[in-house]
Protein backbone atom coordinates (compact mmCIF):
# COMPACT_ATOMS: atom_id res chain seq x y z
CA MET A 1 101.81 288.82 297.32
CA ARG A 2 102.60 290.49 300.61
CA GLN A 3 100.63 289.85 303.80
CA LEU A 4 99.87 293.12 305.54
CA ALA A 5 97.79 292.06 308.54
CA ASP A 6 95.75 289.48 310.34
CA ILE A 7 92.65 291.27 311.55
CA PRO A 8 91.09 289.67 314.61
CA HIS A 9 87.42 288.74 314.50
CA PRO A 10 85.56 286.14 316.58
CA GLU A 11 83.60 284.61 313.66
CA VAL A 12 85.97 284.66 310.70
CA LYS A 13 89.68 284.73 309.97
CA ILE A 14 90.50 287.96 308.12
CA THR A 15 93.80 288.45 306.33
CA LEU A 16 94.79 291.56 304.38
CA PHE A 17 97.23 291.29 301.48
CA SER A 18 98.75 293.68 298.96
CA TRP A 19 99.27 292.40 295.44
CA ASN A 20 99.56 293.85 291.95
CA GLY A 21 98.09 297.27 292.76
CA LYS A 22 95.25 295.82 294.84
CA TYR A 23 94.39 295.09 298.41
CA LEU A 24 93.03 291.58 298.86
CA ILE A 25 90.72 290.96 301.79
CA LYS A 26 90.59 287.21 302.47
CA LEU A 27 87.92 285.95 304.86
CA GLU A 28 87.85 282.30 305.96
CA ARG A 29 85.45 280.18 307.95
CA GLY A 30 85.91 276.44 308.11
CA PRO A 31 86.53 275.01 304.62
CA PHE A 32 85.20 278.14 302.87
CA GLU A 33 86.83 281.40 301.88
CA GLN A 34 85.86 284.65 300.24
CA THR A 35 88.30 287.12 298.70
CA TYR A 36 87.55 290.72 297.83
CA LYS A 37 89.89 292.79 295.67
CA VAL A 38 90.04 296.54 296.22
CA SER A 39 92.08 298.68 293.85
CA GLU A 40 94.71 300.83 295.55
CA MET A 41 93.29 303.64 293.39
CA ASP A 42 89.92 303.40 295.20
CA VAL A 43 91.28 303.96 298.72
CA THR A 44 93.91 306.20 300.22
CA SER A 45 95.45 303.77 302.71
CA GLU A 46 95.30 300.42 304.43
CA ASP A 47 93.20 302.13 307.12
CA ASP A 48 90.48 302.78 304.52
CA VAL A 49 90.43 299.07 303.69
CA ARG A 50 90.11 298.21 307.37
CA ALA A 51 87.19 300.66 307.63
CA LEU A 52 85.33 298.63 304.99
CA LEU A 53 85.36 295.68 307.39
CA ASP A 54 82.58 297.05 309.56
CA GLU A 55 80.12 294.80 311.36
CA GLU A 56 77.49 295.07 308.60
CA PHE A 57 79.98 293.85 305.98
CA VAL A 58 81.28 291.01 308.14
CA GLN A 59 77.78 289.82 309.02
CA ALA A 60 76.90 289.71 305.31
CA VAL A 61 80.05 287.62 304.76
CA VAL A 62 79.03 285.25 307.57
CA GLN A 63 75.57 284.82 306.01
CA ARG A 64 77.20 284.13 302.65
CA PHE A 65 79.35 281.41 304.27
CA SER A 66 76.16 279.77 305.54
CA GLN A 67 74.70 279.89 302.02
CA MET A 68 77.91 278.43 300.60
CA ARG A 69 77.70 275.53 303.06
CA HIS A 70 74.04 274.97 302.13
CA ASP A 71 74.84 275.03 298.40
CA LEU A 72 77.63 272.48 298.78
CA GLN A 73 75.50 270.17 300.92
CA ALA A 74 72.69 270.39 298.36
CA ALA A 75 75.08 269.46 295.55
CA PHE A 76 76.29 266.44 297.52
CA ALA A 77 72.68 265.40 298.14
CA ARG A 78 71.71 265.75 294.45
CA HIS A 79 74.50 263.39 293.52
CA ASP A 80 74.05 260.98 296.43
CA LEU A 81 77.56 261.68 297.69
């Protein structure tokens, strides 16, 4: 796996990788991460992948991180942990 870029964003850490014919977009916030795989056949360049990371996409990711945190906390609560 080859790291292509760290993409600055104030709310999440975004890292772009290339691996096995795919671009991997890794987004991290606190203890959570989301990874999206985009086939190199679906885009023409790394710039196309960066274009996918528009504000609407990133805000949806941020909301999903909040849901992930909620889901984990609920699981802890169900099991009295």
